[in-house]
């Protein structure tokens, strides 16, 4: 495969996502065919494809319902070195909810990428949903479970203004 320009790469990403290929596998194929493509550049291309409407709007939604494409941790990672301020905000948010993560360690490529924030990697909702074969908690017959309701009320609603980039 010879993918030399951004338009071709975006087309390949959209086609692969729409066929159900996981992001890490898409990245591996691109990296093998194009040499060392940096992950931030890859995820910027994923965001561009998403924003252009070439993949489903809910593709970057994690198990609990947070839109990873709007998450400051994801965007700071995708923006590479330009995400300093965003990384500070995310580190502050994580500190408020009990995780002491240095701003320079903020690194997340989305819940479905396999490379996510430490707190997200241990997410009980991600584990539960995967064990039930679900794409999202909202597909569960017990939705919203008491645990998810508590988490949303305690952390998501009050903290999202800090954590989500509008």
N, C-alpha and C. Protein backbone atom coordinates (compact mmCIF):
# COMPACT_ATOMS: atom_id res chain seq x y z
N UNK A 1 0.85 -1.17 0.00
CA UNK A 1 0.00 0.00 0.00
C UNK A 1 0.89 1.23 0.00
N UNK A 2 0.56 2.18 -0.81
CA UNK A 2 1.36 3.40 -0.91
C UNK A 2 0.47 4.59 -0.55
N UNK A 3 0.58 5.02 0.69
CA UNK A 3 -0.22 6.15 1.15
C UNK A 3 0.74 7.32 1.37
N UNK A 4 0.75 8.25 0.43
CA UNK A 4 1.74 9.32 0.49
C UNK A 4 1.19 10.66 0.94
N UNK A 5 -0.09 10.87 0.82
CA UNK A 5 -0.58 12.18 1.23
C UNK A 5 -1.70 12.07 2.26
N UNK A 6 -1.95 13.17 2.89
CA UNK A 6 -2.91 13.24 3.99
C UNK A 6 -4.29 12.79 3.54
N UNK A 7 -4.71 13.14 2.34
CA UNK A 7 -6.02 12.76 1.82
C UNK A 7 -6.12 11.24 1.69
N UNK A 8 -5.10 10.60 1.16
CA UNK A 8 -5.10 9.14 1.03
C UNK A 8 -5.11 8.47 2.39
N UNK A 9 -4.36 9.01 3.33
CA UNK A 9 -4.31 8.45 4.68
C UNK A 9 -5.69 8.58 5.33
N UNK A 10 -6.32 9.74 5.20
CA UNK A 10 -7.66 9.93 5.74
C UNK A 10 -8.66 8.96 5.14
N UNK A 11 -8.56 8.74 3.84
CA UNK A 11 -9.44 7.78 3.17
C UNK A 11 -9.23 6.37 3.68
N UNK A 12 -7.97 6.00 3.87
CA UNK A 12 -7.66 4.67 4.40
C UNK A 12 -8.20 4.52 5.82
N UNK A 13 -8.01 5.54 6.65
CA UNK A 13 -8.50 5.49 8.03
C UNK A 13 -10.02 5.34 8.04
N UNK A 14 -10.73 6.15 7.28
CA UNK A 14 -12.19 6.09 7.24
C UNK A 14 -12.67 4.72 6.77
N UNK A 15 -12.08 4.22 5.70
CA UNK A 15 -12.47 2.92 5.16
C UNK A 15 -12.22 1.81 6.18
N UNK A 16 -11.08 1.86 6.85
CA UNK A 16 -10.72 0.82 7.82
C UNK A 16 -11.64 0.86 9.04
N UNK A 17 -11.93 2.06 9.53
CA UNK A 17 -12.84 2.19 10.68
C UNK A 17 -14.22 1.67 10.30
N UNK A 18 -14.69 2.05 9.13
CA UNK A 18 -16.03 1.63 8.70
C UNK A 18 -16.11 0.13 8.46
N UNK A 19 -14.97 -0.52 8.28
CA UNK A 19 -14.94 -1.99 8.14
C UNK A 19 -14.77 -2.67 9.50
N UNK A 20 -14.60 -1.86 10.56
CA UNK A 20 -14.48 -2.43 11.90
C UNK A 20 -13.08 -2.69 12.39
N UNK A 21 -12.07 -2.21 11.68
CA UNK A 21 -10.68 -2.43 12.10
C UNK A 21 -10.38 -1.55 13.32
N UNK A 22 -9.78 -2.10 14.39
CA UNK A 22 -9.43 -1.30 15.57
C UNK A 22 -8.33 -0.28 15.25
N UNK A 23 -8.37 0.85 15.95
CA UNK A 23 -7.38 1.91 15.71
C UNK A 23 -5.93 1.45 15.83
N UNK A 24 -5.56 0.64 16.83
CA UNK A 24 -4.15 0.20 16.89
C UNK A 24 -3.73 -0.58 15.64
N UNK A 25 -4.65 -1.36 15.07
CA UNK A 25 -4.32 -2.12 13.86
C UNK A 25 -4.17 -1.19 12.65
N UNK A 26 -5.03 -0.17 12.58
CA UNK A 26 -4.93 0.80 11.48
C UNK A 26 -3.59 1.53 11.57
N UNK A 27 -3.24 1.94 12.78
CA UNK A 27 -1.97 2.63 13.00
C UNK A 27 -0.79 1.74 12.58
N UNK A 28 -0.85 0.46 12.95
CA UNK A 28 0.23 -0.47 12.60
C UNK A 28 0.38 -0.61 11.09
N UNK A 29 -0.73 -0.70 10.37
CA UNK A 29 -0.68 -0.82 8.91
C UNK A 29 -0.06 0.45 8.31
N UNK A 30 -0.54 1.60 8.77
CA UNK A 30 0.00 2.87 8.25
C UNK A 30 1.47 3.01 8.58
N UNK A 31 1.85 2.65 9.78
CA UNK A 31 3.24 2.77 10.19
C UNK A 31 4.13 1.86 9.36
N UNK A 32 3.64 0.68 9.05
CA UNK A 32 4.41 -0.26 8.24
C UNK A 32 4.56 0.23 6.80
N UNK A 33 3.50 0.82 6.26
CA UNK A 33 3.54 1.25 4.86
C UNK A 33 4.17 2.63 4.66
N UNK A 34 4.10 3.47 5.67
CA UNK A 34 4.59 4.85 5.52
C UNK A 34 5.83 5.16 6.34
N UNK A 35 6.38 4.19 7.01
CA UNK A 35 7.51 4.49 7.88
C UNK A 35 7.00 4.95 9.22
N UNK A 36 7.76 5.75 9.88
CA UNK A 36 7.44 6.14 11.25
C UNK A 36 6.45 7.30 11.32
N UNK A 37 5.17 7.01 11.16
CA UNK A 37 4.14 8.04 11.33
C UNK A 37 3.95 8.22 12.84
N UNK A 38 4.00 9.45 13.31
CA UNK A 38 3.85 9.72 14.74
C UNK A 38 2.40 9.54 15.15
N UNK A 39 2.19 8.99 16.34
CA UNK A 39 0.82 8.77 16.81
C UNK A 39 0.01 10.05 16.89
N UNK A 40 0.56 11.17 17.37
CA UNK A 40 -0.25 12.38 17.36
C UNK A 40 -0.75 12.75 15.96
N UNK A 41 0.09 12.58 14.95
CA UNK A 41 -0.33 12.88 13.58
C UNK A 41 -1.43 11.92 13.13
N UNK A 42 -1.29 10.66 13.51
CA UNK A 42 -2.32 9.67 13.18
C UNK A 42 -3.65 10.06 13.82
N UNK A 43 -3.64 10.40 15.10
CA UNK A 43 -4.90 10.73 15.78
C UNK A 43 -5.46 12.07 15.33
N UNK A 44 -4.62 12.99 14.89
CA UNK A 44 -5.14 14.21 14.27
C UNK A 44 -5.89 13.86 13.00
N UNK A 45 -5.36 12.90 12.25
CA UNK A 45 -6.04 12.45 11.02
C UNK A 45 -7.37 11.78 11.37
N UNK A 46 -7.39 10.97 12.44
CA UNK A 46 -8.64 10.35 12.89
C UNK A 46 -9.67 11.43 13.24
N UNK A 47 -9.24 12.45 13.97
CA UNK A 47 -10.16 13.55 14.32
C UNK A 47 -10.67 14.25 13.07
N UNK A 48 -9.80 14.49 12.11
CA UNK A 48 -10.21 15.16 10.87
C UNK A 48 -11.25 14.33 10.13
N UNK A 49 -11.05 13.02 10.08
CA UNK A 49 -12.00 12.12 9.42
C UNK A 49 -13.33 12.13 10.16
N UNK A 50 -13.27 12.12 11.49
CA UNK A 50 -14.48 12.17 12.31
C UNK A 50 -15.23 13.48 12.09
N UNK A 51 -14.51 14.59 12.16
CA UNK A 51 -15.14 15.91 12.00
C UNK A 51 -15.67 16.13 10.59
N UNK A 52 -15.11 15.44 9.61
CA UNK A 52 -15.60 15.55 8.24
C UNK A 52 -16.82 14.65 8.00
N UNK A 53 -17.22 13.88 9.03
CA UNK A 53 -18.39 13.04 8.90
C UNK A 53 -18.16 11.76 8.10
N UNK A 54 -16.90 11.35 7.97
CA UNK A 54 -16.59 10.16 7.17
C UNK A 54 -16.63 8.86 7.96
N UNK A 55 -16.78 8.97 9.28
CA UNK A 55 -16.96 7.80 10.14
C UNK A 55 -18.11 8.12 11.09
N UNK A 56 -18.72 7.11 11.72
CA UNK A 56 -19.86 7.37 12.61
C UNK A 56 -19.51 8.34 13.74
N UNK A 57 -20.45 9.23 14.05
CA UNK A 57 -20.24 10.23 15.11
C UNK A 57 -19.90 9.61 16.45
N UNK A 58 -20.41 8.43 16.71
CA UNK A 58 -20.19 7.82 18.02
C UNK A 58 -18.95 6.94 18.07
N UNK A 59 -18.13 6.96 17.04
CA UNK A 59 -16.97 6.09 16.99
C UNK A 59 -16.01 6.31 18.17
N UNK A 60 -15.83 7.56 18.55
CA UNK A 60 -14.88 7.88 19.62
C UNK A 60 -15.55 8.00 20.99
N UNK A 61 -16.73 7.42 21.15
CA UNK A 61 -17.41 7.47 22.43
C UNK A 61 -16.99 6.25 23.24
N UNK A 62 -16.55 6.51 24.47
CA UNK A 62 -16.09 5.39 25.30
C UNK A 62 -17.28 4.67 25.94
N UNK A 63 -16.99 3.63 26.66
CA UNK A 63 -18.02 2.76 27.22
C UNK A 63 -19.05 3.54 28.05
N UNK A 64 -18.59 4.45 28.91
CA UNK A 64 -19.51 5.15 29.81
C UNK A 64 -20.26 6.29 29.12
N UNK A 65 -19.87 6.64 27.91
CA UNK A 65 -20.58 7.67 27.17
C UNK A 65 -19.81 8.96 26.94
N UNK A 66 -18.62 9.09 27.50
CA UNK A 66 -17.81 10.29 27.27
C UNK A 66 -17.29 10.26 25.83
N UNK A 67 -17.35 11.38 25.16
CA UNK A 67 -16.86 11.50 23.78
C UNK A 67 -15.35 11.75 23.83
N UNK A 68 -14.56 10.72 23.54
CA UNK A 68 -13.10 10.83 23.61
C UNK A 68 -12.56 11.93 22.69
N UNK A 69 -13.23 12.16 21.57
CA UNK A 69 -12.72 13.17 20.63
C UNK A 69 -12.82 14.58 21.19
N UNK A 70 -13.61 14.77 22.26
CA UNK A 70 -13.73 16.08 22.90
C UNK A 70 -12.99 16.13 24.24
N UNK A 71 -12.43 15.01 24.66
CA UNK A 71 -11.74 14.92 25.94
C UNK A 71 -10.41 15.66 25.86
N UNK A 72 -10.11 16.44 26.89
CA UNK A 72 -8.86 17.21 26.90
C UNK A 72 -7.62 16.31 26.93
N UNK A 73 -7.71 15.16 27.59
CA UNK A 73 -6.55 14.25 27.62
C UNK A 73 -6.26 13.73 26.22
N UNK A 74 -7.29 13.32 25.51
CA UNK A 74 -7.12 12.84 24.14
C UNK A 74 -6.60 13.97 23.25
N UNK A 75 -7.22 15.13 23.33
CA UNK A 75 -6.82 16.23 22.45
C UNK A 75 -5.40 16.70 22.75
N UNK A 76 -5.03 16.74 24.03
CA UNK A 76 -3.66 17.13 24.38
C UNK A 76 -2.67 16.14 23.80
N UNK A 77 -3.01 14.87 23.82
CA UNK A 77 -2.14 13.84 23.26
C UNK A 77 -2.07 13.96 21.74
N UNK A 78 -3.23 14.13 21.12
CA UNK A 78 -3.27 14.24 19.66
C UNK A 78 -2.57 15.50 19.16
N UNK A 79 -2.58 16.55 19.97
CA UNK A 79 -1.92 17.80 19.58
C UNK A 79 -0.41 17.74 19.82
N UNK A 80 0.06 16.65 20.40
CA UNK A 80 1.50 16.49 20.63
C UNK A 80 2.03 17.51 21.61
N UNK A 81 3.14 18.10 21.31
CA UNK A 81 3.80 19.03 22.22
C UNK A 81 3.01 20.30 22.45
N UNK A 82 2.03 20.58 21.59
CA UNK A 82 1.24 21.80 21.74
C UNK A 82 0.17 21.71 22.81
N UNK A 83 0.07 20.59 23.51
CA UNK A 83 -1.02 20.40 24.47
C UNK A 83 -0.66 20.70 25.91
N UNK A 84 0.36 21.52 26.16
CA UNK A 84 0.81 21.79 27.52
C UNK A 84 -0.26 22.29 28.46
N UNK A 85 -1.01 23.31 28.06
CA UNK A 85 -2.06 23.86 28.91
C UNK A 85 -3.15 22.83 29.15
N UNK A 86 -3.53 22.12 28.10
CA UNK A 86 -4.56 21.08 28.24
C UNK A 86 -4.08 19.98 29.19
N UNK A 87 -2.81 19.63 29.11
CA UNK A 87 -2.29 18.59 29.99
C UNK A 87 -2.35 19.03 31.46
N UNK A 88 -2.08 20.30 31.72
CA UNK A 88 -2.17 20.83 33.10
C UNK A 88 -3.60 20.74 33.62
N UNK A 89 -4.57 21.10 32.79
CA UNK A 89 -5.99 21.03 33.18
C UNK A 89 -6.37 19.59 33.49
N UNK A 90 -5.96 18.67 32.64
CA UNK A 90 -6.29 17.25 32.83
C UNK A 90 -5.64 16.73 34.10
N UNK A 91 -4.38 17.07 34.33
CA UNK A 91 -3.68 16.62 35.54
C UNK A 91 -4.42 17.13 36.78
N UNK A 92 -4.89 18.36 36.74
CA UNK A 92 -5.64 18.93 37.86
C UNK A 92 -6.95 18.19 38.09
N UNK A 93 -7.64 17.88 37.01
CA UNK A 93 -8.91 17.14 37.12
C UNK A 93 -8.66 15.76 37.72
N UNK A 94 -7.65 15.06 37.22
CA UNK A 94 -7.37 13.73 37.74
C UNK A 94 -6.97 13.78 39.21
N UNK A 95 -6.26 14.83 39.61
CA UNK A 95 -5.88 14.97 41.02
C UNK A 95 -7.13 15.12 41.88
N UNK A 96 -8.12 15.88 41.39
CA UNK A 96 -9.37 16.06 42.13
C UNK A 96 -10.11 14.76 42.34
N UNK A 97 -9.98 13.81 41.42
CA UNK A 97 -10.70 12.55 41.57
C UNK A 97 -9.80 11.42 42.10
N UNK A 98 -8.64 11.80 42.65
CA UNK A 98 -7.82 10.83 43.36
C UNK A 98 -6.67 10.19 42.60
N UNK A 99 -6.32 10.70 41.42
CA UNK A 99 -5.19 10.14 40.66
C UNK A 99 -4.12 11.22 40.52
N UNK A 100 -2.94 10.95 41.04
CA UNK A 100 -1.85 11.92 40.97
C UNK A 100 -1.00 11.62 39.73
N UNK A 101 -1.31 12.30 38.64
CA UNK A 101 -0.62 12.09 37.37
C UNK A 101 0.02 13.41 36.96
N UNK A 102 1.31 13.40 36.70
CA UNK A 102 2.01 14.61 36.26
C UNK A 102 1.53 15.01 34.87
N UNK A 103 1.48 16.31 34.62
CA UNK A 103 1.00 16.82 33.33
C UNK A 103 1.77 16.21 32.15
N UNK A 104 3.08 16.03 32.31
CA UNK A 104 3.86 15.47 31.21
C UNK A 104 3.55 13.99 30.95
N UNK A 105 2.87 13.34 31.90
CA UNK A 105 2.50 11.93 31.74
C UNK A 105 1.09 11.76 31.16
N UNK A 106 0.41 12.86 30.88
CA UNK A 106 -0.93 12.77 30.29
C UNK A 106 -0.77 12.25 28.87
N UNK A 107 -1.32 11.07 28.65
CA UNK A 107 -1.20 10.42 27.34
C UNK A 107 -2.40 9.51 27.16
N UNK A 108 -3.25 9.84 26.19
CA UNK A 108 -4.43 9.03 25.95
C UNK A 108 -4.81 9.12 24.47
N UNK A 109 -5.00 7.97 23.87
CA UNK A 109 -5.43 7.92 22.48
C UNK A 109 -6.85 7.39 22.36
N UNK A 110 -7.62 7.49 23.45
CA UNK A 110 -9.02 7.06 23.44
C UNK A 110 -9.20 5.69 24.07
N UNK A 111 -10.37 5.49 24.64
CA UNK A 111 -10.65 4.26 25.39
C UNK A 111 -10.56 3.00 24.54
N UNK A 112 -10.78 3.12 23.26
CA UNK A 112 -10.77 1.92 22.42
C UNK A 112 -9.41 1.68 21.75
N UNK A 113 -8.42 2.50 22.11
CA UNK A 113 -7.11 2.38 21.48
C UNK A 113 -6.17 1.43 22.20
N UNK A 114 -6.42 1.18 23.47
CA UNK A 114 -5.49 0.38 24.26
C UNK A 114 -4.42 1.23 24.93
N UNK A 115 -4.32 2.51 24.55
CA UNK A 115 -3.37 3.43 25.19
C UNK A 115 -4.17 4.58 25.77
N UNK A 116 -4.50 4.44 27.06
CA UNK A 116 -5.35 5.43 27.69
C UNK A 116 -4.81 5.83 29.05
N UNK A 117 -5.48 6.78 29.65
CA UNK A 117 -5.09 7.26 30.97
C UNK A 117 -5.15 6.10 31.97
N UNK A 118 -4.26 6.11 32.99
CA UNK A 118 -4.27 5.02 33.96
C UNK A 118 -5.64 4.78 34.60
N UNK A 119 -6.32 5.82 35.01
CA UNK A 119 -7.65 5.66 35.60
C UNK A 119 -8.63 5.04 34.62
N UNK A 120 -8.51 5.41 33.37
CA UNK A 120 -9.41 4.88 32.34
C UNK A 120 -9.10 3.42 32.04
N UNK A 121 -7.83 3.04 32.10
CA UNK A 121 -7.43 1.66 31.84
C UNK A 121 -8.04 0.71 32.87
N UNK A 122 -8.29 1.21 34.06
CA UNK A 122 -8.88 0.40 35.13
C UNK A 122 -10.38 0.64 35.27
N UNK A 123 -10.96 1.30 34.30
CA UNK A 123 -12.37 1.69 34.36
C UNK A 123 -13.28 0.47 34.55
N UNK A 124 -14.08 0.46 35.62
CA UNK A 124 -14.98 -0.68 35.83
C UNK A 124 -16.07 -0.77 34.76
N UNK A 125 -16.43 0.35 34.16
CA UNK A 125 -17.47 0.35 33.13
C UNK A 125 -16.93 -0.26 31.83
N UNK A 126 -15.69 0.04 31.52
CA UNK A 126 -15.04 -0.55 30.34
C UNK A 126 -14.93 -2.06 30.52
N UNK A 127 -14.48 -2.48 31.69
CA UNK A 127 -14.34 -3.92 31.97
C UNK A 127 -15.70 -4.62 31.93
N UNK A 128 -16.69 -4.02 32.57
CA UNK A 128 -18.03 -4.62 32.62
C UNK A 128 -18.62 -4.73 31.21
N UNK A 129 -18.57 -3.64 30.45
CA UNK A 129 -19.12 -3.64 29.11
C UNK A 129 -18.45 -4.65 28.20
N UNK A 130 -17.12 -4.72 28.28
CA UNK A 130 -16.39 -5.70 27.46
C UNK A 130 -16.79 -7.12 27.83
N UNK A 131 -16.95 -7.37 29.14
CA UNK A 131 -17.32 -8.72 29.57
C UNK A 131 -18.71 -9.11 29.07
N UNK A 132 -19.56 -8.12 28.80
CA UNK A 132 -20.91 -8.37 28.29
C UNK A 132 -20.98 -8.26 26.77
N UNK A 133 -19.85 -7.94 26.14
CA UNK A 133 -19.83 -7.81 24.68
C UNK A 133 -20.52 -6.56 24.17
N UNK A 134 -20.54 -5.50 24.98
CA UNK A 134 -21.22 -4.26 24.62
C UNK A 134 -20.24 -3.24 24.04
N UNK A 135 -20.76 -2.34 23.22
CA UNK A 135 -19.97 -1.21 22.74
C UNK A 135 -20.06 -0.05 23.71
N UNK A 136 -21.20 0.07 24.40
CA UNK A 136 -21.45 1.15 25.35
C UNK A 136 -22.35 0.68 26.47
N UNK A 137 -22.22 1.32 27.62
CA UNK A 137 -23.09 1.01 28.76
C UNK A 137 -24.56 1.17 28.38
N UNK A 138 -24.86 2.12 27.52
CA UNK A 138 -26.25 2.40 27.15
C UNK A 138 -26.93 1.21 26.48
N UNK A 139 -26.17 0.23 26.01
CA UNK A 139 -26.74 -0.96 25.39
C UNK A 139 -27.16 -2.01 26.42
N UNK A 140 -26.80 -1.80 27.68
CA UNK A 140 -27.04 -2.77 28.75
C UNK A 140 -28.48 -2.66 29.26
N UNK A 141 -29.06 -3.79 29.57
CA UNK A 141 -30.41 -3.82 30.12
C UNK A 141 -30.51 -3.20 31.50
N UNK A 142 -29.38 -3.05 32.19
CA UNK A 142 -29.34 -2.45 33.53
C UNK A 142 -28.98 -0.96 33.50
N UNK A 143 -28.89 -0.39 32.31
CA UNK A 143 -28.45 1.01 32.17
C UNK A 143 -29.53 1.96 32.65
N UNK A 144 -29.17 3.02 33.35
CA UNK A 144 -27.85 3.21 33.98
C UNK A 144 -27.81 2.48 35.32
N UNK A 145 -26.78 1.72 35.52
CA UNK A 145 -26.64 1.01 36.80
C UNK A 145 -26.36 2.05 37.90
N UNK A 146 -26.52 1.64 39.12
CA UNK A 146 -26.35 2.56 40.25
C UNK A 146 -24.93 3.13 40.27
N UNK A 147 -23.94 2.30 39.95
CA UNK A 147 -22.55 2.74 39.96
C UNK A 147 -22.30 3.82 38.90
N UNK A 148 -22.81 3.61 37.70
CA UNK A 148 -22.63 4.61 36.64
C UNK A 148 -23.38 5.89 36.98
N UNK A 149 -24.57 5.77 37.53
CA UNK A 149 -25.34 6.95 37.93
C UNK A 149 -24.55 7.76 38.97
N UNK A 150 -23.97 7.07 39.97
CA UNK A 150 -23.18 7.73 41.01
C UNK A 150 -21.96 8.43 40.39
N UNK A 151 -21.24 7.73 39.53
CA UNK A 151 -20.04 8.28 38.90
C UNK A 151 -20.39 9.52 38.07
N UNK A 152 -21.44 9.44 37.32
CA UNK A 152 -21.86 10.56 36.48
C UNK A 152 -22.19 11.78 37.33
N UNK A 153 -22.97 11.56 38.39
CA UNK A 153 -23.36 12.68 39.26
C UNK A 153 -22.17 13.27 40.00
N UNK A 154 -21.27 12.42 40.46
CA UNK A 154 -20.15 12.90 41.27
C UNK A 154 -19.01 13.51 40.45
N UNK A 155 -18.67 12.87 39.32
CA UNK A 155 -17.48 13.30 38.59
C UNK A 155 -17.73 13.89 37.21
N UNK A 156 -18.65 13.35 36.49
CA UNK A 156 -18.82 13.78 35.11
C UNK A 156 -19.53 15.12 35.02
N UNK A 157 -20.70 15.22 35.58
CA UNK A 157 -21.46 16.47 35.48
C UNK A 157 -20.70 17.66 36.05
N UNK A 158 -20.15 17.57 37.26
CA UNK A 158 -19.42 18.74 37.79
C UNK A 158 -18.06 18.98 37.14
N UNK A 159 -17.40 17.92 36.70
CA UNK A 159 -16.03 18.06 36.21
C UNK A 159 -15.88 18.24 34.72
N UNK A 160 -16.90 17.97 33.95
CA UNK A 160 -16.74 17.97 32.50
C UNK A 160 -16.40 19.34 31.94
N UNK A 161 -16.82 20.40 32.59
CA UNK A 161 -16.47 21.72 32.10
C UNK A 161 -14.96 21.90 32.06
N UNK A 162 -14.27 21.28 32.98
CA UNK A 162 -12.81 21.35 33.02
C UNK A 162 -12.19 20.34 32.06
N UNK A 163 -12.88 19.23 31.88
CA UNK A 163 -12.28 18.10 31.20
C UNK A 163 -12.61 18.04 29.71
N UNK A 164 -13.75 18.56 29.32
CA UNK A 164 -14.19 18.48 27.93
C UNK A 164 -13.94 19.80 27.23
N UNK A 165 -13.40 19.72 26.05
CA UNK A 165 -13.13 20.91 25.23
C UNK A 165 -14.33 21.14 24.32
N UNK A 166 -14.97 22.28 24.47
CA UNK A 166 -16.15 22.59 23.64
C UNK A 166 -15.75 23.02 22.26
